[in-house]
């Protein structure tokens, strides 16, 4: 789709000095509530806002075109969600100096950014991320929002149809009162009672928004607090830390990130089971090499490790 075919009132965010790869960011396994239509336009519900965005495919230096609904022109909201303030070129220089093999991943996915997601959406979305495909996770989370989330209106006057309907993610209170049989019907399966129990547990905490309060606390404290909740292991805790709580040093260790670390840095751990001690050692290996943005660096390496990364991008709906 040519940029000139977009509505005139869509905003323009320049990316020439600080690249942004829209498709790689939204398809790299961070968030599960984005859809790309046949025109290459991405649509996502974030809190009570729908963001629609387009960028020339594979051109991270090209402008980002976007609009928000129902309130238009929420520039700071969009910049905050996509974390467009992070100086990626400076990070690239540091990463390549620390690990020359980063050059391939940076070249392939230049402009990939870590999102700043709504805390509850990220927290509950990743409850169904273990032993699940990306497409099934997306479908499951979408069904949850459609059943329990408030509708977000999108104008009917758009020159092209929106792939809606769109819904805000359900509140913690709503999930605490959810019907287990309905969750199971929506593909949550054995995770259904865990979702309800976690929501009730969050409700019992003294802070009004305990999850959001974690953003201002140190990473080690936040990771320990999340890991103490029933059903949340180290990896899921790190995903929440990285993708919602501004803990850029958090490194979720899965099969791919483990293989990378063992191959490049810790061959001595190749035969070790992924015990808490080994998990911590592998994550610290990334942090010792890539510093305070180690979580961002591992996302590049993780995505590059998916040998069919192009197939990982969702098909147009």
C-alpha atoms as a PDB file:
ATOM      1  CA  UNK A   1       0.000   0.000   0.000  1.00  0.00           C
ATOM      2  CA  UNK A   2       1.347   3.406  -0.961  1.00  0.00           C
ATOM      3  CA  UNK A   3       1.658   5.998   1.765  1.00  0.00           C
ATOM      4  CA  UNK A   4      -0.428   8.469  -0.289  1.00  0.00           C
ATOM      5  CA  UNK A   5      -3.413   6.124  -0.038  1.00  0.00           C
ATOM      6  CA  UNK A   6      -3.599   6.560   3.732  1.00  0.00           C
ATOM      7  CA  UNK A   7      -6.107   9.034   5.177  1.00  0.00           C
ATOM      8  CA  UNK A   8      -4.807  12.595   5.226  1.00  0.00           C
ATOM      9  CA  UNK A   9      -5.408  12.972   8.958  1.00  0.00           C
ATOM     10  CA  UNK A  10      -3.043  10.123   9.872  1.00  0.00           C
ATOM     11  CA  UNK A  11       0.005  11.295  11.763  1.00  0.00           C
ATOM     12  CA  UNK A  12       3.592  10.940  10.581  1.00  0.00           C
ATOM     13  CA  UNK A  13       6.468   9.903  12.831  1.00  0.00           C
ATOM     14  CA  UNK A  14       9.919  10.296  11.304  1.00  0.00           C
ATOM     15  CA  UNK A  15      12.266   7.343  11.842  1.00  0.00           C
ATOM     16  CA  UNK A  16      15.320   8.374   9.828  1.00  0.00           C
ATOM     17  CA  UNK A  17      17.472   9.138  12.879  1.00  0.00           C
ATOM     18  CA  UNK A  18      16.078   6.448  15.162  1.00  0.00           C
ATOM     19  CA  UNK A  19      14.792   3.408  13.237  1.00  0.00           C
ATOM     20  CA  UNK A  20      11.581   1.577  13.954  1.00  0.00           C
ATOM     21  CA  UNK A  21      10.642  -1.738  12.348  1.00  0.00           C
ATOM     22  CA  UNK A  22       6.902  -1.922  12.866  1.00  0.00           C
ATOM     23  CA  UNK A  23       6.292  -5.461  11.576  1.00  0.00           C
ATOM     24  CA  UNK A  24       9.283  -7.044  13.313  1.00  0.00           C
ATOM     25  CA  UNK A  25       8.283  -5.385  16.592  1.00  0.00           C
ATOM     26  CA  UNK A  26       4.667  -6.497  16.474  1.00  0.00           C
ATOM     27  CA  UNK A  27       5.435 -10.030  15.254  1.00  0.00           C
ATOM     28  CA  UNK A  28       8.333 -10.891  17.560  1.00  0.00           C
ATOM     29  CA  UNK A  29       6.310 -12.647  20.258  1.00  0.00           C
ATOM     30  CA  UNK A  30       5.901  -9.732  22.650  1.00  0.00           C
ATOM     31  CA  UNK A  31       2.213  -8.923  22.257  1.00  0.00           C
ATOM     32  CA  UNK A  32      -0.714 -11.001  21.077  1.00  0.00           C
ATOM     33  CA  UNK A  33      -3.353  -8.412  20.252  1.00  0.00           C
ATOM     34  CA  UNK A  34      -2.228  -6.991  16.907  1.00  0.00           C
ATOM     35  CA  UNK A  35      -3.658  -7.815  13.493  1.00  0.00           C
ATOM     36  CA  UNK A  36      -2.400  -6.864  10.044  1.00  0.00           C
ATOM     37  CA  UNK A  37      -4.948  -6.421   7.274  1.00  0.00           C
ATOM     38  CA  UNK A  38      -4.581  -7.105   3.561  1.00  0.00           C
ATOM     39  CA  UNK A  39      -3.297  -3.548   3.012  1.00  0.00           C
ATOM     40  CA  UNK A  40      -0.413  -4.060   5.407  1.00  0.00           C
ATOM     41  CA  UNK A  41      -2.003  -1.858   8.076  1.00  0.00           C
ATOM     42  CA  UNK A  42      -1.585  -3.005  11.679  1.00  0.00           C
ATOM     43  CA  UNK A  43      -4.463  -2.671  14.162  1.00  0.00           C
ATOM     44  CA  UNK A  44      -4.131  -3.111  17.915  1.00  0.00           C
ATOM     45  CA  UNK A  45      -6.140  -2.426  21.058  1.00  0.00           C
ATOM     46  CA  UNK A  46      -4.031  -0.823  23.806  1.00  0.00           C
ATOM     47  CA  UNK A  47      -5.875   0.015  27.008  1.00  0.00           C
ATOM     48  CA  UNK A  48      -9.048   1.829  25.829  1.00  0.00           C
ATOM     49  CA  UNK A  49      -7.476   2.979  22.557  1.00  0.00           C
ATOM     50  CA  UNK A  50      -7.151   1.421  19.123  1.00  0.00           C
ATOM     51  CA  UNK A  51      -3.854   2.193  17.400  1.00  0.00           C
ATOM     52  CA  UNK A  52      -3.672   1.717  13.665  1.00  0.00           C
ATOM     53  CA  UNK A  53      -0.242   1.982  12.049  1.00  0.00           C
ATOM     54  CA  UNK A  54       1.486   1.528   8.711  1.00  0.00           C
ATOM     55  CA  UNK A  55       5.074   1.621   7.500  1.00  0.00           C
ATOM     56  CA  UNK A  56       6.730   0.691   4.230  1.00  0.00           C
ATOM     57  CA  UNK A  57       7.574  -2.976   4.719  1.00  0.00           C
ATOM     58  CA  UNK A  58      11.204  -3.691   5.519  1.00  0.00           C
ATOM     59  CA  UNK A  59      12.171  -0.005   5.642  1.00  0.00           C
ATOM     60  CA  UNK A  60      12.777   0.885   9.320  1.00  0.00           C
ATOM     61  CA  UNK A  61      14.042   4.355   8.410  1.00  0.00           C
ATOM     62  CA  UNK A  62      10.813   5.228   6.597  1.00  0.00           C
ATOM     63  CA  UNK A  63       8.090   7.252   8.354  1.00  0.00           C
ATOM     64  CA  UNK A  64       5.575   5.587  10.630  1.00  0.00           C
ATOM     65  CA  UNK A  65       2.009   6.606   9.780  1.00  0.00           C
ATOM     66  CA  UNK A  66      -0.563   6.163  12.513  1.00  0.00           C
ATOM     67  CA  UNK A  67      -3.862   7.226  14.048  1.00  0.00           C
ATOM     68  CA  UNK A  68      -5.720   6.472  17.287  1.00  0.00           C
ATOM     69  CA  UNK A  69      -9.410   5.877  18.016  1.00  0.00           C
ATOM     70  CA  UNK A  70     -11.780   6.934  19.460  1.00  0.00           C
ATOM     71  CA  UNK A  71      -9.586   9.873  20.556  1.00  0.00           C
ATOM     72  CA  UNK A  72      -7.449  10.945  17.622  1.00  0.00           C
ATOM     73  CA  UNK A  73      -3.815  12.089  17.512  1.00  0.00           C
ATOM     74  CA  UNK A  74      -2.574  10.591  20.798  1.00  0.00           C
ATOM     75  CA  UNK A  75       1.070  11.095  19.903  1.00  0.00           C
ATOM     76  CA  UNK A  76       2.612  10.647  23.357  1.00  0.00           C
ATOM     77  CA  UNK A  77       0.499   7.546  23.918  1.00  0.00           C
ATOM     78  CA  UNK A  78       1.798   6.011  20.684  1.00  0.00           C
ATOM     79  CA  UNK A  79       5.412   7.034  21.286  1.00  0.00           C
ATOM     80  CA  UNK A  80       5.255   5.663  24.829  1.00  0.00           C
ATOM     81  CA  UNK A  81       3.805   2.313  23.723  1.00  0.00           C
ATOM     82  CA  UNK A  82       6.333   1.809  20.917  1.00  0.00           C
ATOM     83  CA  UNK A  83       9.155   3.239  23.070  1.00  0.00           C
ATOM     84  CA  UNK A  84      10.330   5.505  20.296  1.00  0.00           C
ATOM     85  CA  UNK A  85      12.510   7.478  22.719  1.00  0.00           C
ATOM     86  CA  UNK A  86      15.094   4.672  23.032  1.00  0.00           C
ATOM     87  CA  UNK A  87      18.273   5.467  21.073  1.00  0.00           C
ATOM     88  CA  UNK A  88      18.693   2.276  19.068  1.00  0.00           C
ATOM     89  CA  UNK A  89      21.759   3.374  17.027  1.00  0.00           C
ATOM     90  CA  UNK A  90      23.684   3.917  20.265  1.00  0.00           C
ATOM     91  CA  UNK A  91      22.653   0.473  21.514  1.00  0.00           C
ATOM     92  CA  UNK A  92      23.680  -1.127  18.230  1.00  0.00           C
ATOM     93  CA  UNK A  93      27.191   0.261  18.555  1.00  0.00           C
ATOM     94  CA  UNK A  94      27.483  -1.086  22.100  1.00  0.00           C
ATOM     95  CA  UNK A  95      26.084  -4.499  21.199  1.00  0.00           C
ATOM     96  CA  UNK A  96      28.296  -5.061  18.174  1.00  0.00           C
ATOM     97  CA  UNK A  97      31.347  -4.043  20.193  1.00  0.00           C
ATOM     98  CA  UNK A  98      30.344  -6.607  22.822  1.00  0.00           C
ATOM     99  CA  UNK A  99      29.326  -9.318  20.367  1.00  0.00           C
ATOM    100  CA  UNK A 100      30.210  -9.042  16.640  1.00  0.00           C
ATOM    101  CA  UNK A 101      27.657 -11.746  15.802  1.00  0.00           C
ATOM    102  CA  UNK A 102      24.933  -9.233  16.722  1.00  0.00           C
ATOM    103  CA  UNK A 103      25.572  -7.537  13.381  1.00  0.00           C
ATOM    104  CA  UNK A 104      23.503 -10.128  11.513  1.00  0.00           C
ATOM    105  CA  UNK A 105      20.492  -9.834  13.815  1.00  0.00           C
ATOM    106  CA  UNK A 106      20.655  -6.043  13.731  1.00  0.00           C
ATOM    107  CA  UNK A 107      20.891  -6.026   9.960  1.00  0.00           C
ATOM    108  CA  UNK A 108      17.954  -8.409   9.635  1.00  0.00           C
ATOM    109  CA  UNK A 109      15.654  -6.706  12.141  1.00  0.00           C
ATOM    110  CA  UNK A 110      16.976  -3.167  12.425  1.00  0.00           C
ATOM    111  CA  UNK A 111      14.435  -1.033  14.253  1.00  0.00           C
ATOM    112  CA  UNK A 112      12.860  -3.822  16.318  1.00  0.00           C
ATOM    113  CA  UNK A 113      11.783  -2.325  19.648  1.00  0.00           C
ATOM    114  CA  UNK A 114      10.506  -3.655  22.948  1.00  0.00           C
ATOM    115  CA  UNK A 115       6.940  -2.532  23.628  1.00  0.00           C
ATOM    116  CA  UNK A 116       5.685  -0.949  26.832  1.00  0.00           C
ATOM    117  CA  UNK A 117       2.497  -2.953  27.223  1.00  0.00           C
ATOM    118  CA  UNK A 118      -0.400  -2.467  29.628  1.00  0.00           C
ATOM    119  CA  UNK A 119       0.546  -4.410  32.726  1.00  0.00           C
ATOM    120  CA  UNK A 120      -2.560  -6.572  33.192  1.00  0.00           C
ATOM    121  CA  UNK A 121      -2.707  -7.502  29.503  1.00  0.00           C
ATOM    122  CA  UNK A 122       0.916  -8.641  29.508  1.00  0.00           C
ATOM    123  CA  UNK A 123       0.568 -10.407  32.867  1.00  0.00           C
ATOM    124  CA  UNK A 124      -2.427 -12.502  31.852  1.00  0.00           C
ATOM    125  CA  UNK A 125      -1.532 -12.834  28.177  1.00  0.00           C
ATOM    126  CA  UNK A 126       1.656 -14.669  29.014  1.00  0.00           C
ATOM    127  CA  UNK A 127      -0.225 -17.146  31.188  1.00  0.00           C
ATOM    128  CA  UNK A 128      -1.171 -18.994  28.008  1.00  0.00           C
ATOM    129  CA  UNK A 129       2.222 -18.564  26.307  1.00  0.00           C
ATOM    130  CA  UNK A 130       3.810 -21.756  27.643  1.00  0.00           C
ATOM    131  CA  UNK A 131       3.597 -24.781  25.325  1.00  0.00           C
ATOM    132  CA  UNK A 132       1.425 -22.905  22.852  1.00  0.00           C
ATOM    133  CA  UNK A 133       1.789 -21.600  19.315  1.00  0.00           C
ATOM    134  CA  UNK A 134       1.733 -17.851  18.658  1.00  0.00           C
ATOM    135  CA  UNK A 135      -1.437 -18.127  16.567  1.00  0.00           C
ATOM    136  CA  UNK A 136      -3.254 -20.039  19.294  1.00  0.00           C
ATOM    137  CA  UNK A 137      -2.111 -17.560  21.950  1.00  0.00           C
ATOM    138  CA  UNK A 138      -3.395 -14.675  19.828  1.00  0.00           C
ATOM    139  CA  UNK A 139      -6.744 -16.375  19.318  1.00  0.00           C
ATOM    140  CA  UNK A 140      -7.099 -17.225  23.006  1.00  0.00           C
ATOM    141  CA  UNK A 141      -6.250 -13.724  24.242  1.00  0.00           C
ATOM    142  CA  UNK A 142      -8.553 -12.180  21.642  1.00  0.00           C
ATOM    143  CA  UNK A 143     -11.455 -14.345  22.789  1.00  0.00           C
ATOM    144  CA  UNK A 144     -10.823 -13.294  26.388  1.00  0.00           C
ATOM    145  CA  UNK A 145     -11.005  -9.612  25.433  1.00  0.00           C
ATOM    146  CA  UNK A 146     -14.095 -10.107  23.297  1.00  0.00           C
ATOM    147  CA  UNK A 147     -15.923 -11.906  26.098  1.00  0.00           C
ATOM    148  CA  UNK A 148     -14.969  -9.704  29.045  1.00  0.00           C
ATOM    149  CA  UNK A 149     -13.494  -6.449  27.700  1.00  0.00           C
ATOM    150  CA  UNK A 150     -15.296  -3.179  26.985  1.00  0.00           C
ATOM    151  CA  UNK A 151     -15.819  -2.437  23.262  1.00  0.00           C
ATOM    152  CA  UNK A 152     -13.661   0.295  21.705  1.00  0.00           C
ATOM    153  CA  UNK A 153     -15.484   2.205  18.939  1.00  0.00           C
ATOM    154  CA  UNK A 154     -13.801   2.779  15.584  1.00  0.00           C
ATOM    155  CA  UNK A 155     -15.408   5.202  13.080  1.00  0.00           C
ATOM    156  CA  UNK A 156     -17.370   3.686  10.215  1.00  0.00           C
ATOM    157  CA  UNK A 157     -16.224   6.521   7.973  1.00  0.00           C
ATOM    158  CA  UNK A 158     -12.776   5.032   7.342  1.00  0.00           C
ATOM    159  CA  UNK A 159     -11.980   4.491   3.634  1.00  0.00           C
ATOM    160  CA  UNK A 160     -11.252   0.826   4.395  1.00  0.00           C
ATOM    161  CA  UNK A 161     -12.778  -1.646   6.860  1.00  0.00           C
ATOM    162  CA  UNK A 162     -11.224  -2.146  10.271  1.00  0.00           C
ATOM    163  CA  UNK A 163     -10.554  -5.812  11.199  1.00  0.00           C
ATOM    164  CA  UNK A 164     -12.517  -5.415  14.398  1.00  0.00           C
ATOM    165  CA  UNK A 165     -14.362  -5.526  16.643  1.00  0.00           C
ATOM    166  CA  UNK A 166     -11.926  -4.156  19.208  1.00  0.00           C
ATOM    167  CA  UNK A 167     -12.086  -4.514  22.973  1.00  0.00           C
ATOM    168  CA  UNK A 168     -10.105  -3.232  25.925  1.00  0.00           C
ATOM    169  CA  UNK A 169      -8.378  -5.968  27.883  1.00  0.00           C
ATOM    170  CA  UNK A 170     -10.551  -7.122  30.811  1.00  0.00           C
ATOM    171  CA  UNK A 171      -9.925  -5.558  34.199  1.00  0.00           C
ATOM    172  CA  UNK A 172      -8.473  -7.606  37.042  1.00  0.00           C
ATOM    173  CA  UNK A 173     -11.829  -7.397  38.853  1.00  0.00           C
ATOM    174  CA  UNK A 174     -13.639  -8.755  35.812  1.00  0.00           C
ATOM    175  CA  UNK A 175     -11.227 -11.682  35.474  1.00  0.00           C
ATOM    176  CA  UNK A 176     -11.539 -12.452  39.182  1.00  0.00           C
ATOM    177  CA  UNK A 177     -15.267 -12.921  38.633  1.00  0.00           C
ATOM    178  CA  UNK A 178     -14.916 -14.821  35.342  1.00  0.00           C
ATOM    179  CA  UNK A 179     -16.664 -18.118  34.738  1.00  0.00           C
ATOM    180  CA  UNK A 180     -14.189 -21.000  34.522  1.00  0.00           C
ATOM    181  CA  UNK A 181     -16.302 -22.916  32.004  1.00  0.00           C
ATOM    182  CA  UNK A 182     -16.369 -19.876  29.707  1.00  0.00           C
ATOM    183  CA  UNK A 183     -12.602 -19.550  29.882  1.00  0.00           C
ATOM    184  CA  UNK A 184     -12.172 -23.225  29.076  1.00  0.00           C
ATOM    185  CA  UNK A 185     -14.514 -22.811  26.099  1.00  0.00           C
ATOM    186  CA  UNK A 186     -12.292 -19.978  24.892  1.00  0.00           C
ATOM    187  CA  UNK A 187      -9.254 -22.308  24.714  1.00  0.00           C
ATOM    188  CA  UNK A 188      -7.740 -21.497  28.123  1.00  0.00           C
ATOM    189  CA  UNK A 189      -8.085 -25.137  29.184  1.00  0.00           C
ATOM    190  CA  UNK A 190      -6.219 -26.033  32.360  1.00  0.00           C
ATOM    191  CA  UNK A 191      -5.059 -22.417  32.605  1.00  0.00           C
ATOM    192  CA  UNK A 192      -8.615 -21.188  33.279  1.00  0.00           C
ATOM    193  CA  UNK A 193      -8.631 -21.666  37.071  1.00  0.00           C
ATOM    194  CA  UNK A 194      -5.116 -20.198  37.263  1.00  0.00           C
ATOM    195  CA  UNK A 195      -6.254 -16.988  35.533  1.00  0.00           C
ATOM    196  CA  UNK A 196      -9.112 -16.579  37.997  1.00  0.00           C
ATOM    197  CA  UNK A 197      -6.914 -17.381  41.000  1.00  0.00           C
ATOM    198  CA  UNK A 198      -4.226 -14.925  39.904  1.00  0.00           C
ATOM    199  CA  UNK A 199      -6.811 -12.184  39.404  1.00  0.00           C
ATOM    200  CA  UNK A 200      -8.240 -12.790  42.872  1.00  0.00           C
ATOM    201  CA  UNK A 201      -4.708 -12.764  44.281  1.00  0.00           C
ATOM    202  CA  UNK A 202      -3.970  -9.387  42.682  1.00  0.00           C
ATOM    203  CA  UNK A 203      -7.204  -8.024  44.108  1.00  0.00           C
ATOM    204  CA  UNK A 204      -6.108  -9.015  47.614  1.00  0.00           C
ATOM    205  CA  UNK A 205      -2.874  -7.007  47.478  1.00  0.00           C
ATOM    206  CA  UNK A 206      -2.757  -3.677  49.355  1.00  0.00           C
ATOM    207  CA  UNK A 207      -1.781  -1.472  46.383  1.00  0.00           C
ATOM    208  CA  UNK A 208      -4.590  -0.249  44.138  1.00  0.00           C
ATOM    209  CA  UNK A 209      -2.591  -1.262  41.068  1.00  0.00           C
ATOM    210  CA  UNK A 210       0.119  -3.571  42.290  1.00  0.00           C
ATOM    211  CA  UNK A 211       1.295  -4.542  38.816  1.00  0.00           C
ATOM    212  CA  UNK A 212       1.785  -0.937  37.728  1.00  0.00           C
ATOM    213  CA  UNK A 213       3.610  -0.140  40.969  1.00  0.00           C
ATOM    214  CA  UNK A 214       6.282  -2.685  39.985  1.00  0.00           C
ATOM    215  CA  UNK A 215       7.566  -0.383  37.246  1.00  0.00           C
ATOM    216  CA  UNK A 216       9.223   1.838  39.840  1.00  0.00           C
ATOM    217  CA  UNK A 217      10.933  -1.004  41.723  1.00  0.00           C
ATOM    218  CA  UNK A 218      14.326  -2.659  41.034  1.00  0.00           C
ATOM    219  CA  UNK A 219      14.399  -5.590  38.639  1.00  0.00           C
ATOM    220  CA  UNK A 220      15.541  -8.217  41.159  1.00  0.00           C
ATOM    221  CA  UNK A 221      12.755  -7.250  43.555  1.00  0.00           C
ATOM    222  CA  UNK A 222      10.135  -7.289  40.806  1.00  0.00           C
ATOM    223  CA  UNK A 223      11.249 -10.641  39.421  1.00  0.00           C
ATOM    224  CA  UNK A 224      11.148 -12.187  42.885  1.00  0.00           C
ATOM    225  CA  UNK A 225       7.688 -10.767  43.598  1.00  0.00           C
ATOM    226  CA  UNK A 226       6.242 -12.091  40.331  1.00  0.00           C
ATOM    227  CA  UNK A 227       7.917 -15.477  40.709  1.00  0.00           C
ATOM    228  CA  UNK A 228       6.351 -15.835  44.147  1.00  0.00           C
ATOM    229  CA  UNK A 229       2.872 -15.916  42.593  1.00  0.00           C
ATOM    230  CA  UNK A 230       1.427 -19.375  42.004  1.00  0.00           C
ATOM    231  CA  UNK A 231       1.893 -20.563  38.430  1.00  0.00           C
ATOM    232  CA  UNK A 232       4.447 -17.939  37.379  1.00  0.00           C
ATOM    233  CA  UNK A 233       7.922 -19.276  36.763  1.00  0.00           C
ATOM    234  CA  UNK A 234      11.136 -17.432  36.064  1.00  0.00           C
ATOM    235  CA  UNK A 235      10.608 -17.133  32.309  1.00  0.00           C
ATOM    236  CA  UNK A 236       7.071 -15.746  32.492  1.00  0.00           C
ATOM    237  CA  UNK A 237       8.181 -13.354  35.224  1.00  0.00           C
ATOM    238  CA  UNK A 238      10.946 -12.124  32.940  1.00  0.00           C
ATOM    239  CA  UNK A 239       8.553 -11.698  30.023  1.00  0.00           C
ATOM    240  CA  UNK A 240       6.305  -9.512  32.166  1.00  0.00           C
ATOM    241  CA  UNK A 241       9.324  -7.593  33.474  1.00  0.00           C
ATOM    242  CA  UNK A 242      10.647  -6.907  29.983  1.00  0.00           C
ATOM    243  CA  UNK A 243       7.488  -6.308  27.972  1.00  0.00           C
ATOM    244  CA  UNK A 244       5.406  -4.358  30.501  1.00  0.00           C
ATOM    245  CA  UNK A 245       7.456  -3.177  33.468  1.00  0.00           C
ATOM    246  CA  UNK A 246      10.428  -1.315  31.918  1.00  0.00           C
ATOM    247  CA  UNK A 247      12.937  -3.884  33.169  1.00  0.00           C
ATOM    248  CA  UNK A 248      15.127  -3.733  30.060  1.00  0.00           C
ATOM    249  CA  UNK A 249      17.753  -5.989  31.637  1.00  0.00           C
ATOM    250  CA  UNK A 250      15.278  -8.885  32.014  1.00  0.00           C
ATOM    251  CA  UNK A 251      16.180 -11.870  29.805  1.00  0.00           C
ATOM    252  CA  UNK A 252      13.518 -14.572  29.367  1.00  0.00           C
ATOM    253  CA  UNK A 253      15.350 -17.866  28.916  1.00  0.00           C
ATOM    254  CA  UNK A 254      13.619 -20.281  26.580  1.00  0.00           C
ATOM    255  CA  UNK A 255      14.891 -22.964  24.201  1.00  0.00           C
ATOM    256  CA  UNK A 256      16.228 -20.436  21.700  1.00  0.00           C
ATOM    257  CA  UNK A 257      17.885 -17.994  24.110  1.00  0.00           C
ATOM    258  CA  UNK A 258      19.370 -20.927  26.007  1.00  0.00           C
ATOM    259  CA  UNK A 259      20.852 -22.425  22.835  1.00  0.00           C
ATOM    260  CA  UNK A 260      22.328 -19.073  21.843  1.00  0.00           C
ATOM    261  CA  UNK A 261      23.944 -18.519  25.243  1.00  0.00           C
ATOM    262  CA  UNK A 262      25.351 -22.043  25.385  1.00  0.00           C
ATOM    263  CA  UNK A 263      26.694 -21.859  21.835  1.00  0.00           C
ATOM    264  CA  UNK A 264      28.310 -18.438  22.174  1.00  0.00           C
ATOM    265  CA  UNK A 265      29.258 -18.090  25.840  1.00  0.00           C
ATOM    266  CA  UNK A 266      28.518 -21.012  28.152  1.00  0.00           C
ATOM    267  CA  UNK A 267      29.315 -24.357  26.487  1.00  0.00           C
ATOM    268  CA  UNK A 268      29.975 -25.654  29.988  1.00  0.00           C
ATOM    269  CA  UNK A 269      26.202 -25.546  30.590  1.00  0.00           C
ATOM    270  CA  UNK A 270      25.257 -27.475  27.450  1.00  0.00           C
ATOM    271  CA  UNK A 271      24.421 -30.667  29.303  1.00  0.00           C
ATOM    272  CA  UNK A 272      22.842 -28.984  32.340  1.00  0.00           C
ATOM    273  CA  UNK A 273      19.164 -29.095  33.130  1.00  0.00           C
ATOM    274  CA  UNK A 274      17.452 -25.718  33.278  1.00  0.00           C
ATOM    275  CA  UNK A 275      17.421 -25.483  37.069  1.00  0.00           C
ATOM    276  CA  UNK A 276      16.877 -22.101  38.743  1.00  0.00           C
ATOM    277  CA  UNK A 277      20.645 -21.807  39.161  1.00  0.00           C
ATOM    278  CA  UNK A 278      21.336 -22.496  35.479  1.00  0.00           C
ATOM    279  CA  UNK A 279      18.504 -20.182  34.398  1.00  0.00           C
ATOM    280  CA  UNK A 280      19.985 -17.368  36.490  1.00  0.00           C
ATOM    281  CA  UNK A 281      23.481 -18.043  35.147  1.00  0.00           C
ATOM    282  CA  UNK A 282      22.324 -17.896  31.525  1.00  0.00           C
ATOM    283  CA  UNK A 283      20.353 -14.694  32.054  1.00  0.00           C
ATOM    284  CA  UNK A 284      23.308 -13.107  33.838  1.00  0.00           C
ATOM    285  CA  UNK A 285      25.516 -14.076  30.909  1.00  0.00           C
ATOM    286  CA  UNK A 286      23.411 -11.846  28.652  1.00  0.00           C
ATOM    287  CA  UNK A 287      23.411  -9.016  31.181  1.00  0.00           C
ATOM    288  CA  UNK A 288      27.180  -9.145  31.691  1.00  0.00           C
ATOM    289  CA  UNK A 289      27.703  -8.802  27.940  1.00  0.00           C
ATOM    290  CA  UNK A 290      24.901  -6.435  26.885  1.00  0.00           C
ATOM    291  CA  UNK A 291      24.295  -4.412  30.030  1.00  0.00           C
ATOM    292  CA  UNK A 292      21.118  -2.609  31.020  1.00  0.00           C
ATOM    293  CA  UNK A 293      19.403  -3.325  27.690  1.00  0.00           C
ATOM    294  CA  UNK A 294      20.243  -7.028  27.627  1.00  0.00           C
ATOM    295  CA  UNK A 295      16.565  -7.867  27.205  1.00  0.00           C
ATOM    296  CA  UNK A 296      16.449  -5.896  23.971  1.00  0.00           C
ATOM    297  CA  UNK A 297      19.620  -7.569  22.683  1.00  0.00           C
ATOM    298  CA  UNK A 298      18.266 -11.056  23.372  1.00  0.00           C
ATOM    299  CA  UNK A 299      15.074 -10.188  21.471  1.00  0.00           C
ATOM    300  CA  UNK A 300      17.164  -9.576  18.355  1.00  0.00           C
ATOM    301  CA  UNK A 301      19.089 -12.806  18.838  1.00  0.00           C
ATOM    302  CA  UNK A 302      15.893 -14.695  19.629  1.00  0.00           C
ATOM    303  CA  UNK A 303      14.115 -13.487  16.507  1.00  0.00           C
ATOM    304  CA  UNK A 304      17.152 -14.181  14.327  1.00  0.00           C
ATOM    305  CA  UNK A 305      17.312 -17.715  15.748  1.00  0.00           C
ATOM    306  CA  UNK A 306      13.882 -18.430  14.288  1.00  0.00           C
ATOM    307  CA  UNK A 307      15.222 -19.628  10.993  1.00  0.00           C
ATOM    308  CA  UNK A 308      11.965 -18.984   9.230  1.00  0.00           C
ATOM    309  CA  UNK A 309      11.359 -15.560  10.689  1.00  0.00           C
ATOM    310  CA  UNK A 310       9.336 -14.558   7.634  1.00  0.00           C
ATOM    311  CA  UNK A 311       6.871 -17.347   8.396  1.00  0.00           C
ATOM    312  CA  UNK A 312       6.623 -16.024  11.936  1.00  0.00           C
ATOM    313  CA  UNK A 313       4.999 -12.829  10.667  1.00  0.00           C
ATOM    314  CA  UNK A 314       1.201 -13.202  10.856  1.00  0.00           C
ATOM    315  CA  UNK A 315      -0.707 -13.425   7.616  1.00  0.00           C
ATOM    316  CA  UNK A 316      -3.041 -10.637   6.609  1.00  0.00           C
ATOM    317  CA  UNK A 317      -6.604 -11.127   7.716  1.00  0.00           C
END
